[in-house]
Amino acid sequence: MAENKKINPLQYDKRVMNRFVQNQKMSQKDVAQYLQSLPDMSAQGEDIAPKIYGEKKGHAA
């Protein structure tokens, strides 16, 4: 991302990001760099499928 651009966290919201790119307020390169800069939080996630669908662990739908 260009250093002189002020980062607006709302521009990286999935619901509005494409609009920012289409209006040339940010580039696809900016999006890619931002996404690569995010930490990997997958180890802190929880499998909620059993809670929602009642599936036993290890069973695929």
PDB file of N, CA and C in Angstrom:
ATOM      1  N   MET A   1       0.839  -1.168   0.000  1.00  0.00           N
ATOM      2  CA  MET A   1       0.000   0.000   0.000  1.00  0.00           C
ATOM      3  C   MET A   1       0.882   1.229   0.000  1.00  0.00           C
ATOM      4  N   ALA A   2       0.468   2.219  -0.684  1.00  0.00           N
ATOM      5  CA  ALA A   2       1.245   3.438  -0.737  1.00  0.00           C
ATOM      6  C   ALA A   2       1.292   4.060   0.647  1.00  0.00           C
ATOM      7  N   GLU A   3       2.470   4.519   1.044  1.00  0.00           N
ATOM      8  CA  GLU A   3       2.668   5.047   2.383  1.00  0.00           C
ATOM      9  C   GLU A   3       1.873   6.328   2.613  1.00  0.00           C
ATOM     10  N   ASN A   4       1.612   7.098   1.558  1.00  0.00           N
ATOM     11  CA  ASN A   4       0.928   8.368   1.733  1.00  0.00           C
ATOM     12  C   ASN A   4      -0.597   8.220   1.815  1.00  0.00           C
ATOM     13  N   LYS A   5      -1.115   7.046   1.631  1.00  0.00           N
ATOM     14  CA  LYS A   5      -2.551   6.823   1.726  1.00  0.00           C
ATOM     15  C   LYS A   5      -2.932   6.535   3.164  1.00  0.00           C
ATOM     16  N   LYS A   6      -3.953   7.228   3.643  1.00  0.00           N
ATOM     17  CA  LYS A   6      -4.462   6.940   4.972  1.00  0.00           C
ATOM     18  C   LYS A   6      -5.367   5.719   4.864  1.00  0.00           C
ATOM     19  N   ILE A   7      -5.146   4.729   5.727  1.00  0.00           N
ATOM     20  CA  ILE A   7      -5.921   3.494   5.673  1.00  0.00           C
ATOM     21  C   ILE A   7      -7.237   3.691   6.402  1.00  0.00           C
ATOM     22  N   ASN A   8      -8.308   3.491   5.704  1.00  0.00           N
ATOM     23  CA  ASN A   8      -9.646   3.526   6.277  1.00  0.00           C
ATOM     24  C   ASN A   8     -10.068   2.075   6.462  1.00  0.00           C
ATOM     25  N   PRO A   9     -10.246   1.620   7.703  1.00  0.00           N
ATOM     26  CA  PRO A   9     -10.586   0.207   7.916  1.00  0.00           C
ATOM     27  C   PRO A   9     -11.876  -0.209   7.206  1.00  0.00           C
ATOM     28  N   LEU A  10     -12.776   0.717   6.997  1.00  0.00           N
ATOM     29  CA  LEU A  10     -14.030   0.378   6.324  1.00  0.00           C
ATOM     30  C   LEU A  10     -13.818   0.020   4.859  1.00  0.00           C
ATOM     31  N   GLN A  11     -12.755   0.514   4.249  1.00  0.00           N
ATOM     32  CA  GLN A  11     -12.529   0.205   2.841  1.00  0.00           C
ATOM     33  C   GLN A  11     -12.161  -1.253   2.629  1.00  0.00           C
ATOM     34  N   TYR A  12     -11.737  -1.940   3.697  1.00  0.00           N
ATOM     35  CA  TYR A  12     -11.397  -3.352   3.583  1.00  0.00           C
ATOM     36  C   TYR A  12     -12.539  -4.255   4.008  1.00  0.00           C
ATOM     37  N   ASP A  13     -13.694  -3.693   4.264  1.00  0.00           N
ATOM     38  CA  ASP A  13     -14.890  -4.469   4.540  1.00  0.00           C
ATOM     39  C   ASP A  13     -15.288  -5.171   3.240  1.00  0.00           C
ATOM     40  N   LYS A  14     -15.524  -6.482   3.312  1.00  0.00           N
ATOM     41  CA  LYS A  14     -15.837  -7.256   2.097  1.00  0.00           C
ATOM     42  C   LYS A  14     -17.019  -6.678   1.338  1.00  0.00           C
ATOM     43  N   ARG A  15     -17.940  -6.045   2.056  1.00  0.00           N
ATOM     44  CA  ARG A  15     -19.151  -5.543   1.415  1.00  0.00           C
ATOM     45  C   ARG A  15     -18.913  -4.280   0.609  1.00  0.00           C
ATOM     46  N   VAL A  16     -17.820  -3.557   0.863  1.00  0.00           N
ATOM     47  CA  VAL A  16     -17.577  -2.309   0.139  1.00  0.00           C
ATOM     48  C   VAL A  16     -16.238  -2.274  -0.605  1.00  0.00           C
ATOM     49  N   MET A  17     -15.395  -3.274  -0.396  1.00  0.00           N
ATOM     50  CA  MET A  17     -14.059  -3.279  -0.989  1.00  0.00           C
ATOM     51  C   MET A  17     -14.095  -3.186  -2.515  1.00  0.00           C
ATOM     52  N   ASN A  18     -14.977  -3.941  -3.154  1.00  0.00           N
ATOM     53  CA  ASN A  18     -15.047  -3.892  -4.619  1.00  0.00           C
ATOM     54  C   ASN A  18     -15.419  -2.505  -5.115  1.00  0.00           C
ATOM     55  N   ARG A  19     -16.269  -1.819  -4.382  1.00  0.00           N
ATOM     56  CA  ARG A  19     -16.662  -0.462  -4.758  1.00  0.00           C
ATOM     57  C   ARG A  19     -15.455   0.477  -4.701  1.00  0.00           C
ATOM     58  N   PHE A  20     -14.620   0.331  -3.694  1.00  0.00           N
ATOM     59  CA  PHE A  20     -13.417   1.155  -3.593  1.00  0.00           C
ATOM     60  C   PHE A  20     -12.480   0.884  -4.769  1.00  0.00           C
ATOM     61  N   VAL A  21     -12.358  -0.372  -5.155  1.00  0.00           N
ATOM     62  CA  VAL A  21     -11.492  -0.725  -6.286  1.00  0.00           C
ATOM     63  C   VAL A  21     -12.093  -0.169  -7.579  1.00  0.00           C
ATOM     64  N   GLN A  22     -13.383  -0.332  -7.778  1.00  0.00           N
ATOM     65  CA  GLN A  22     -14.039   0.163  -8.993  1.00  0.00           C
ATOM     66  C   GLN A  22     -13.945   1.682  -9.108  1.00  0.00           C
ATOM     67  N   ASN A  23     -14.017   2.372  -7.984  1.00  0.00           N
ATOM     68  CA  ASN A  23     -13.938   3.838  -7.990  1.00  0.00           C
ATOM     69  C   ASN A  23     -12.506   4.340  -7.926  1.00  0.00           C
ATOM     70  N   GLN A  24     -11.556   3.421  -8.036  1.00  0.00           N
ATOM     71  CA  GLN A  24     -10.128   3.710  -8.052  1.00  0.00           C
ATOM     72  C   GLN A  24      -9.669   4.446  -6.794  1.00  0.00           C
ATOM     73  N   LYS A  25     -10.322   4.166  -5.666  1.00  0.00           N
ATOM     74  CA  LYS A  25      -9.878   4.712  -4.393  1.00  0.00           C
ATOM     75  C   LYS A  25      -8.808   3.805  -3.791  1.00  0.00           C
ATOM     76  N   MET A  26      -8.708   2.582  -4.328  1.00  0.00           N
ATOM     77  CA  MET A  26      -7.652   1.654  -3.964  1.00  0.00           C
ATOM     78  C   MET A  26      -7.487   0.660  -5.109  1.00  0.00           C
ATOM     79  N   SER A  27      -6.331   0.013  -5.158  1.00  0.00           N
ATOM     80  CA  SER A  27      -6.057  -0.919  -6.253  1.00  0.00           C
ATOM     81  C   SER A  27      -6.145  -2.361  -5.764  1.00  0.00           C
ATOM     82  N   GLN A  28      -6.199  -3.285  -6.706  1.00  0.00           N
ATOM     83  CA  GLN A  28      -6.168  -4.706  -6.367  1.00  0.00           C
ATOM     84  C   GLN A  28      -4.865  -5.037  -5.649  1.00  0.00           C
ATOM     85  N   LYS A  29      -3.800  -4.356  -6.021  1.00  0.00           N
ATOM     86  CA  LYS A  29      -2.508  -4.562  -5.363  1.00  0.00           C
ATOM     87  C   LYS A  29      -2.598  -4.155  -3.891  1.00  0.00           C
ATOM     88  N   ASP A  30      -3.270  -3.036  -3.606  1.00  0.00           N
ATOM     89  CA  ASP A  30      -3.470  -2.611  -2.215  1.00  0.00           C
ATOM     90  C   ASP A  30      -4.234  -3.677  -1.439  1.00  0.00           C
ATOM     91  N   VAL A  31      -5.265  -4.246  -2.045  1.00  0.00           N
ATOM     92  CA  VAL A  31      -6.076  -5.280  -1.402  1.00  0.00           C
ATOM     93  C   VAL A  31      -5.207  -6.501  -1.097  1.00  0.00           C
ATOM     94  N   ALA A  32      -4.442  -6.936  -2.086  1.00  0.00           N
ATOM     95  CA  ALA A  32      -3.590  -8.113  -1.903  1.00  0.00           C
ATOM     96  C   ALA A  32      -2.557  -7.884  -0.807  1.00  0.00           C
ATOM     97  N   GLN A  33      -1.937  -6.714  -0.791  1.00  0.00           N
ATOM     98  CA  GLN A  33      -0.941  -6.418   0.237  1.00  0.00           C
ATOM     99  C   GLN A  33      -1.574  -6.378   1.619  1.00  0.00           C
ATOM    100  N   TYR A  34      -2.757  -5.801   1.725  1.00  0.00           N
ATOM    101  CA  TYR A  34      -3.439  -5.745   3.014  1.00  0.00           C
ATOM    102  C   TYR A  34      -3.774  -7.149   3.501  1.00  0.00           C
ATOM    103  N   LEU A  35      -4.319  -7.984   2.627  1.00  0.00           N
ATOM    104  CA  LEU A  35      -4.695  -9.337   3.012  1.00  0.00           C
ATOM    105  C   LEU A  35      -3.482 -10.156   3.435  1.00  0.00           C
ATOM    106  N   GLN A  36      -2.353  -9.958   2.762  1.00  0.00           N
ATOM    107  CA  GLN A  36      -1.129 -10.676   3.129  1.00  0.00           C
ATOM    108  C   GLN A  36      -0.570 -10.198   4.465  1.00  0.00           C
ATOM    109  N   SER A  37      -0.882  -8.963   4.848  1.00  0.00           N
ATOM    110  CA  SER A  37      -0.355  -8.422   6.102  1.00  0.00           C
ATOM    111  C   SER A  37      -1.142  -8.897   7.327  1.00  0.00           C
ATOM    112  N   LEU A  38      -2.314  -9.491   7.117  1.00  0.00           N
ATOM    113  CA  LEU A  38      -3.129  -9.939   8.239  1.00  0.00           C
ATOM    114  C   LEU A  38      -2.527 -11.180   8.879  1.00  0.00           C
ATOM    115  N   PRO A  39      -2.583 -11.271  10.204  1.00  0.00           N
ATOM    116  CA  PRO A  39      -2.045 -12.460  10.878  1.00  0.00           C
ATOM    117  C   PRO A  39      -2.935 -13.676  10.641  1.00  0.00           C
ATOM    118  N   ASP A  40      -2.330 -14.861  10.694  1.00  0.00           N
ATOM    119  CA  ASP A  40      -3.079 -16.116  10.548  1.00  0.00           C
ATOM    120  C   ASP A  40      -3.714 -16.438  11.897  1.00  0.00           C
ATOM    121  N   MET A  41      -5.013 -16.331  11.983  1.00  0.00           N
ATOM    122  CA  MET A  41      -5.736 -16.553  13.232  1.00  0.00           C
ATOM    123  C   MET A  41      -6.477 -17.891  13.224  1.00  0.00           C
ATOM    124  N   SER A  42      -6.195 -18.747  12.251  1.00  0.00           N
ATOM    125  CA  SER A  42      -6.947 -19.988  12.093  1.00  0.00           C
ATOM    126  C   SER A  42      -6.811 -20.919  13.297  1.00  0.00           C
ATOM    127  N   ALA A  43      -5.691 -20.866  13.997  1.00  0.00           N
ATOM    128  CA  ALA A  43      -5.506 -21.741  15.158  1.00  0.00           C
ATOM    129  C   ALA A  43      -6.410 -21.340  16.320  1.00  0.00           C
ATOM    130  N   GLN A  44      -6.893 -20.115  16.294  1.00  0.00           N
ATOM    131  CA  GLN A  44      -7.758 -19.634  17.366  1.00  0.00           C
ATOM    132  C   GLN A  44      -9.237 -19.816  17.043  1.00  0.00           C
ATOM    133  N   GLY A  45      -9.516 -20.339  15.858  1.00  0.00           N
ATOM    134  CA  GLY A  45     -10.900 -20.542  15.438  1.00  0.00           C
ATOM    135  C   GLY A  45     -11.518 -21.768  16.088  1.00  0.00           C
ATOM    136  N   GLU A  46     -12.816 -21.868  15.978  1.00  0.00           N
ATOM    137  CA  GLU A  46     -13.554 -22.987  16.553  1.00  0.00           C
ATOM    138  C   GLU A  46     -14.493 -23.535  15.479  1.00  0.00           C
ATOM    139  N   ASP A  47     -14.581 -24.847  15.385  1.00  0.00           N
ATOM    140  CA  ASP A  47     -15.493 -25.479  14.440  1.00  0.00           C
ATOM    141  C   ASP A  47     -16.910 -25.390  14.994  1.00  0.00           C
ATOM    142  N   ILE A  48     -17.742 -24.583  14.358  1.00  0.00           N
ATOM    143  CA  ILE A  48     -19.099 -24.389  14.866  1.00  0.00           C
ATOM    144  C   ILE A  48     -20.132 -25.233  14.127  1.00  0.00           C
ATOM    145  N   ALA A  49     -19.705 -25.991  13.125  1.00  0.00           N
ATOM    146  CA  ALA A  49     -20.639 -26.821  12.359  1.00  0.00           C
ATOM    147  C   ALA A  49     -21.414 -27.778  13.247  1.00  0.00           C
ATOM    148  N   PRO A  50     -20.779 -28.452  14.202  1.00  0.00           N
ATOM    149  CA  PRO A  50     -21.555 -29.355  15.068  1.00  0.00           C
ATOM    150  C   PRO A  50     -22.624 -28.622  15.875  1.00  0.00           C
ATOM    151  N   LYS A  51     -22.335 -27.408  16.273  1.00  0.00           N
ATOM    152  CA  LYS A  51     -23.310 -26.629  17.028  1.00  0.00           C
ATOM    153  C   LYS A  51     -24.492 -26.208  16.162  1.00  0.00           C
ATOM    154  N   ILE A  52     -24.216 -25.952  14.902  1.00  0.00           N
ATOM    155  CA  ILE A  52     -25.267 -25.489  14.001  1.00  0.00           C
ATOM    156  C   ILE A  52     -26.040 -26.656  13.396  1.00  0.00           C
ATOM    157  N   TYR A  53     -25.311 -27.652  12.902  1.00  0.00           N
ATOM    158  CA  TYR A  53     -25.932 -28.744  12.149  1.00  0.00           C
ATOM    159  C   TYR A  53     -26.091 -30.038  12.950  1.00  0.00           C
ATOM    160  N   GLY A  54     -25.541 -30.086  14.151  1.00  0.00           N
ATOM    161  CA  GLY A  54     -25.648 -31.291  14.953  1.00  0.00           C
ATOM    162  C   GLY A  54     -24.797 -32.435  14.451  1.00  0.00           C
ATOM    163  N   GLU A  55     -23.779 -32.123  13.666  1.00  0.00           N
ATOM    164  CA  GLU A  55     -22.909 -33.164  13.120  1.00  0.00           C
ATOM    165  C   GLU A  55     -21.912 -33.574  14.191  1.00  0.00           C
ATOM    166  N   LYS A  56     -21.538 -34.844  14.142  1.00  0.00           N
ATOM    167  CA  LYS A  56     -20.473 -35.320  15.019  1.00  0.00           C
ATOM    168  C   LYS A  56     -19.145 -34.993  14.372  1.00  0.00           C
ATOM    169  N   LYS A  57     -18.149 -34.746  15.169  1.00  0.00           N
ATOM    170  CA  LYS A  57     -16.827 -34.392  14.660  1.00  0.00           C
ATOM    171  C   LYS A  57     -16.299 -35.501  13.741  1.00  0.00           C
ATOM    172  N   GLY A  58     -15.793 -35.087  12.584  1.00  0.00           N
ATOM    173  CA  GLY A  58     -15.236 -36.038  11.651  1.00  0.00           C
ATOM    174  C   GLY A  58     -16.206 -36.472  10.569  1.00  0.00           C
ATOM    175  N   HIS A  59     -17.475 -36.126  10.694  1.00  0.00           N
ATOM    176  CA  HIS A  59     -18.453 -36.487   9.666  1.00  0.00           C
ATOM    177  C   HIS A  59     -18.645 -35.309   8.717  1.00  0.00           C
ATOM    178  N   ALA A  60     -18.544 -35.605   7.437  1.00  0.00           N
ATOM    179  CA  ALA A  60     -18.753 -34.569   6.422  1.00  0.00           C
ATOM    180  C   ALA A  60     -20.198 -34.632   5.947  1.00  0.00           C
ATOM    181  N   ALA A  61     -20.681 -33.467   5.558  1.00  0.00           N
ATOM    182  CA  ALA A  61     -22.057 -33.402   5.060  1.00  0.00           C
ATOM    183  C   ALA A  61     -22.157 -33.911   3.654  1.00  0.00           C
TER     184      ALA A  61
END
